[in-house]
C-alpha atoms as a PDB file:
ATOM      1  CA  MET A   1     117.424 151.737   8.545  1.00  0.00           C
ATOM      2  CA  SER A   2     114.010 149.947   6.959  1.00  0.00           C
ATOM      3  CA  LEU A   3     110.914 150.118   8.769  1.00  0.00           C
ATOM      4  CA  MET A   4     111.428 146.723  10.679  1.00  0.00           C
ATOM      5  CA  ASP A   5     114.205 147.078  12.266  1.00  0.00           C
ATOM      6  CA  ILE A   6     113.317 150.364  13.662  1.00  0.00           C
ATOM      7  CA  PRO A   7     113.734 150.157  17.406  1.00  0.00           C
ATOM      8  CA  PHE A   8     110.778 150.332  20.068  1.00  0.00           C
ATOM      9  CA  HIS A   9     110.100 148.544  23.639  1.00  0.00           C
ATOM     10  CA  THR A  10     107.450 146.334  24.579  1.00  0.00           C
ATOM     11  CA  ILE A  11     105.081 147.387  27.169  1.00  0.00           C
ATOM     12  CA  ASP A  12     107.055 145.447  29.512  1.00  0.00           C
ATOM     13  CA  GLY A  13     110.236 147.363  28.322  1.00  0.00           C
ATOM     14  CA  GLU A  14     112.143 144.642  26.369  1.00  0.00           C
ATOM     15  CA  PRO A  15     113.206 145.921  23.260  1.00  0.00           C
ATOM     16  CA  THR A  16     111.882 144.498  19.662  1.00  0.00           C
ATOM     17  CA  SER A  17     111.073 145.614  16.164  1.00  0.00           C
ATOM     18  CA  LEU A  18     108.804 144.980  13.200  1.00  0.00           C
ATOM     19  CA  ALA A  19     111.915 142.234  12.494  1.00  0.00           C
ATOM     20  CA  GLN A  20     110.189 139.378  15.025  1.00  0.00           C
ATOM     21  CA  TYR A  21     107.247 139.620  12.848  1.00  0.00           C
ATOM     22  CA  ALA A  22     108.906 139.452   9.512  1.00  0.00           C
ATOM     23  CA  GLY A  23     106.733 137.008   7.279  1.00  0.00           C
ATOM     24  CA  LYS A  24     103.432 137.791   9.082  1.00  0.00           C
ATOM     25  CA  VAL A  25     100.815 140.267   8.609  1.00  0.00           C
ATOM     26  CA  VAL A  26     100.959 143.159  11.241  1.00  0.00           C
ATOM     27  CA  LEU A  27      98.284 145.361  12.139  1.00  0.00           C
ATOM     28  CA  VAL A  28      99.933 148.648  13.909  1.00  0.00           C
ATOM     29  CA  VAL A  29      97.408 150.450  15.703  1.00  0.00           C
ATOM     30  CA  ASN A  30      97.722 153.368  18.209  1.00  0.00           C
ATOM     31  CA  VAL A  31      95.229 152.950  21.136  1.00  0.00           C
ATOM     32  CA  ALA A  32      94.374 154.782  23.799  1.00  0.00           C
ATOM     33  CA  SER A  33      92.136 153.683  26.790  1.00  0.00           C
ATOM     34  CA  ARG A  34      89.676 156.674  27.338  1.00  0.00           C
ATOM     35  CA  CYS A  35      88.819 157.347  23.345  1.00  0.00           C
ATOM     36  CA  GLY A  36      85.169 157.071  22.526  1.00  0.00           C
ATOM     37  CA  LEU A  37      86.851 154.659  19.652  1.00  0.00           C
ATOM     38  CA  ALA A  38      88.088 152.202  22.488  1.00  0.00           C
ATOM     39  CA  PRO A  39      85.578 149.908  21.935  1.00  0.00           C
ATOM     40  CA  GLN A  40      87.509 148.897  18.430  1.00  0.00           C
ATOM     41  CA  TYR A  41      89.726 147.021  21.233  1.00  0.00           C
ATOM     42  CA  GLU A  42      87.162 144.429  20.829  1.00  0.00           C
ATOM     43  CA  LYS A  43      86.927 143.583  17.381  1.00  0.00           C
ATOM     44  CA  LEU A  44      91.196 144.381  17.195  1.00  0.00           C
ATOM     45  CA  GLU A  45      90.731 141.369  19.613  1.00  0.00           C
ATOM     46  CA  ARG A  46      88.760 139.000  17.827  1.00  0.00           C
ATOM     47  CA  LEU A  47      90.667 139.345  14.319  1.00  0.00           C
ATOM     48  CA  GLN A  48      94.225 138.646  17.007  1.00  0.00           C
ATOM     49  CA  GLU A  49      91.691 135.161  17.618  1.00  0.00           C
ATOM     50  CA  THR A  50      90.508 134.853  14.141  1.00  0.00           C
ATOM     51  CA  TYR A  51      93.836 135.571  11.925  1.00  0.00           C
ATOM     52  CA  GLY A  52      97.082 134.930  15.107  1.00  0.00           C
ATOM     53  CA  ALA A  53      97.996 131.440  14.184  1.00  0.00           C
ATOM     54  CA  ARG A  54      98.020 131.697  10.728  1.00  0.00           C
ATOM     55  CA  GLY A  55     100.499 134.479  11.104  1.00  0.00           C
ATOM     56  CA  PHE A  56      98.903 137.960  11.965  1.00  0.00           C
ATOM     57  CA  THR A  57      99.283 139.626  14.855  1.00  0.00           C
ATOM     58  CA  VAL A  58      97.755 143.021  16.107  1.00  0.00           C
ATOM     59  CA  ILE A  59     100.377 145.436  17.787  1.00  0.00           C
ATOM     60  CA  GLY A  60      98.977 148.046  19.913  1.00  0.00           C
ATOM     61  CA  PHE A  61     101.249 151.652  20.514  1.00  0.00           C
ATOM     62  CA  PRO A  62      99.356 153.639  23.268  1.00  0.00           C
ATOM     63  CA  SER A  63      99.854 156.939  22.974  1.00  0.00           C
ATOM     64  CA  ASN A  64      98.732 159.888  25.346  1.00  0.00           C
ATOM     65  CA  GLN A  65      99.020 162.671  21.961  1.00  0.00           C
ATOM     66  CA  PHE A  66      95.735 163.617  22.079  1.00  0.00           C
ATOM     67  CA  LEU A  67      95.103 163.476  26.040  1.00  0.00           C
ATOM     68  CA  GLN A  68      92.486 160.011  26.294  1.00  0.00           C
ATOM     69  CA  GLU A  69      95.311 157.673  27.744  1.00  0.00           C
ATOM     70  CA  LEU A  70      95.957 156.387  31.093  1.00  0.00           C
ATOM     71  CA  SER A  71      99.123 157.766  32.792  1.00  0.00           C
ATOM     72  CA  SER A  72     100.354 154.603  33.897  1.00  0.00           C
ATOM     73  CA  THR A  73     101.908 150.871  32.407  1.00  0.00           C
ATOM     74  CA  ASP A  74     100.179 149.095  34.915  1.00  0.00           C
ATOM     75  CA  ALA A  75      97.081 150.983  34.314  1.00  0.00           C
ATOM     76  CA  ILE A  76      97.266 150.353  30.719  1.00  0.00           C
ATOM     77  CA  LYS A  77      97.532 146.715  30.989  1.00  0.00           C
ATOM     78  CA  GLU A  78      95.120 146.234  33.228  1.00  0.00           C
ATOM     79  CA  TYR A  79      92.150 148.274  31.499  1.00  0.00           C
ATOM     80  CA  CYS A  80      93.146 146.623  27.947  1.00  0.00           C
ATOM     81  CA  SER A  81      93.222 142.801  29.840  1.00  0.00           C
ATOM     82  CA  THR A  82      90.223 143.537  32.045  1.00  0.00           C
ATOM     83  CA  THR A  83      87.935 145.816  29.878  1.00  0.00           C
ATOM     84  CA  TRP A  84      88.830 144.037  26.868  1.00  0.00           C
ATOM     85  CA  GLY A  85      90.461 140.628  27.104  1.00  0.00           C
ATOM     86  CA  VAL A  86      93.436 141.923  25.091  1.00  0.00           C
ATOM     87  CA  THR A  87      95.914 139.323  24.048  1.00  0.00           C
ATOM     88  CA  PHE A  88      97.990 140.856  21.096  1.00  0.00           C
ATOM     89  CA  PRO A  89     101.216 142.424  22.192  1.00  0.00           C
ATOM     90  CA  MET A  90     101.177 145.998  23.493  1.00  0.00           C
ATOM     91  CA  MET A  91     103.946 148.224  23.317  1.00  0.00           C
ATOM     92  CA  GLU A  92     105.271 151.232  25.322  1.00  0.00           C
ATOM     93  CA  LYS A  93     103.456 154.516  25.116  1.00  0.00           C
ATOM     94  CA  VAL A  94     104.419 156.996  22.134  1.00  0.00           C
ATOM     95  CA  ARG A  95     104.242 159.969  20.754  1.00  0.00           C
ATOM     96  CA  LEU A  96     103.157 159.567  16.834  1.00  0.00           C
ATOM     97  CA  ASN A  97     103.548 163.469  15.411  1.00  0.00           C
ATOM     98  CA  GLY A  98     105.817 166.252  15.581  1.00  0.00           C
ATOM     99  CA  ARG A  99     109.527 166.255  16.724  1.00  0.00           C
ATOM    100  CA  SER A 100     109.251 163.902  19.104  1.00  0.00           C
ATOM    101  CA  ALA A 101     107.120 161.267  17.078  1.00  0.00           C
ATOM    102  CA  HIS A 102     108.507 157.673  17.625  1.00  0.00           C
ATOM    103  CA  PRO A 103     110.501 156.996  14.720  1.00  0.00           C
ATOM    104  CA  LEU A 104     108.539 154.235  13.822  1.00  0.00           C
ATOM    105  CA  TYR A 105     105.222 156.545  13.468  1.00  0.00           C
ATOM    106  CA  ALA A 106     107.857 159.222  11.748  1.00  0.00           C
ATOM    107  CA  GLU A 107     107.998 156.679   8.789  1.00  0.00           C
ATOM    108  CA  LEU A 108     104.544 154.771   9.400  1.00  0.00           C
ATOM    109  CA  THR A 109     103.080 158.623   8.209  1.00  0.00           C
ATOM    110  CA  THR A 110     104.893 158.446   5.118  1.00  0.00           C
ATOM    111  CA  HIS A 111     102.555 156.093   4.055  1.00  0.00           C
ATOM    112  CA  PRO A 112      98.929 157.322   2.362  1.00  0.00           C
ATOM    113  CA  ASP A 113      95.401 156.047   2.907  1.00  0.00           C
ATOM    114  CA  ALA A 114      93.258 154.739  -0.100  1.00  0.00           C
ATOM    115  CA  GLU A 115      92.675 158.233  -0.211  1.00  0.00           C
ATOM    116  CA  GLY A 116      96.434 159.014  -1.310  1.00  0.00           C
ATOM    117  CA  LYS A 117      96.523 161.327   1.593  1.00  0.00           C
ATOM    118  CA  ALA A 118      99.882 160.656   3.858  1.00  0.00           C
ATOM    119  CA  GLY A 119     100.932 162.616   6.518  1.00  0.00           C
ATOM    120  CA  LYS A 120     100.048 162.519  10.756  1.00  0.00           C
ATOM    121  CA  ILE A 121      98.113 160.609  12.810  1.00  0.00           C
ATOM    122  CA  LYS A 122      94.646 162.546  13.188  1.00  0.00           C
ATOM    123  CA  TRP A 123      93.325 160.364  16.002  1.00  0.00           C
ATOM    124  CA  ASN A 124      93.403 157.419  18.018  1.00  0.00           C
ATOM    125  CA  PHE A 125      92.939 153.994  16.359  1.00  0.00           C
ATOM    126  CA  GLU A 126      94.568 154.586  13.512  1.00  0.00           C
ATOM    127  CA  LYS A 127      95.779 151.385  11.984  1.00  0.00           C
ATOM    128  CA  PHE A 128      98.406 150.513   9.240  1.00  0.00           C
ATOM    129  CA  VAL A 129      98.282 147.173   7.955  1.00  0.00           C
ATOM    130  CA  ILE A 130     102.024 145.536   6.829  1.00  0.00           C
ATOM    131  CA  THR A 131     101.562 143.043   4.700  1.00  0.00           C
ATOM    132  CA  PRO A 132     104.511 140.208   4.533  1.00  0.00           C
ATOM    133  CA  ASP A 133     106.287 141.935   1.369  1.00  0.00           C
ATOM    134  CA  GLY A 134     106.529 145.158   3.650  1.00  0.00           C
ATOM    135  CA  ALA A 135     104.022 146.793   2.034  1.00  0.00           C
ATOM    136  CA  VAL A 136     102.488 149.381   4.376  1.00  0.00           C
ATOM    137  CA  HIS A 137      98.284 149.764   3.931  1.00  0.00           C
ATOM    138  CA  ARG A 138      96.990 152.782   6.070  1.00  0.00           C
ATOM    139  CA  PHE A 139      93.139 153.164   7.243  1.00  0.00           C
ATOM    140  CA  ARG A 140      92.034 156.247   9.291  1.00  0.00           C
ATOM    141  CA  PRO A 141      90.462 156.064  12.639  1.00  0.00           C
ATOM    142  CA  THR A 142      87.025 155.723  11.826  1.00  0.00           C
ATOM    143  CA  THR A 143      87.459 152.674   9.653  1.00  0.00           C
ATOM    144  CA  GLU A 144      86.540 149.606  12.010  1.00  0.00           C
ATOM    145  CA  PRO A 145      89.158 146.607  12.396  1.00  0.00           C
ATOM    146  CA  ASP A 146      86.589 144.257  10.788  1.00  0.00           C
ATOM    147  CA  ASP A 147      85.795 146.806   7.731  1.00  0.00           C
ATOM    148  CA  PRO A 148      86.024 144.369   4.811  1.00  0.00           C
ATOM    149  CA  ALA A 149      88.971 146.433   3.150  1.00  0.00           C
ATOM    150  CA  ILE A 150      91.184 145.858   6.218  1.00  0.00           C
ATOM    151  CA  VAL A 151      90.014 141.771   6.873  1.00  0.00           C
ATOM    152  CA  GLY A 152      90.109 140.849   3.070  1.00  0.00           C
ATOM    153  CA  LEU A 153      93.484 142.424   2.956  1.00  0.00           C
ATOM    154  CA  ILE A 154      94.518 140.332   5.878  1.00  0.00           C
ATOM    155  CA  GLU A 155      93.228 137.094   3.984  1.00  0.00           C
ATOM    156  CA  GLU A 156      94.650 137.706   0.816  1.00  0.00           C
ATOM    157  CA  SER A 157      97.911 138.183   2.746  1.00  0.00           C
ATOM    158  CA  LEU A 158      98.214 135.085   5.097  1.00  0.00           C
ATOM    159  CA  PRO A 159      98.314 131.236   3.804  1.00  0.00           C
ATOM    160  CA  ALA A 160      95.533 129.510   2.746  1.00  0.00           C
ATOM    161  CA  VAL A 161      93.686 127.257   5.339  1.00  0.00           C
ATOM    162  CA  ALA A 162      94.292 123.691   4.815  1.00  0.00           C
END
């Protein structure tokens, strides 16, 4: 099964996969509401607003792997919308590491970062940019969503503005 075909569910329980976003640039990020990096939500939303109409989307995967996510789906949805104005798609809460890691994350973590390091998710807000050709680019949690490496990758992977 390819990365694009691995099934998961939206935060509202609807089945989906990355295949729904074929041909787009996708930024997959594991999020947590009570993390010190949560202000990255604002920059993620700004990327969504800036590039969404050109074929880009952020996809947020809440995770309590590091014990910093709210317990209920409704609380996560409310926090994201009222605190950060999140409009990008949010998915079900998932596990990132270990034997019970979600299959999507089991596959994503095989891809190395810019320093050549693959392996488990180290913390909340680890980012994976998947380009339309299926390439996966990994960015560690402290790399801000508006980092020039991420923005440059998004821009070069999207159609030119007419």
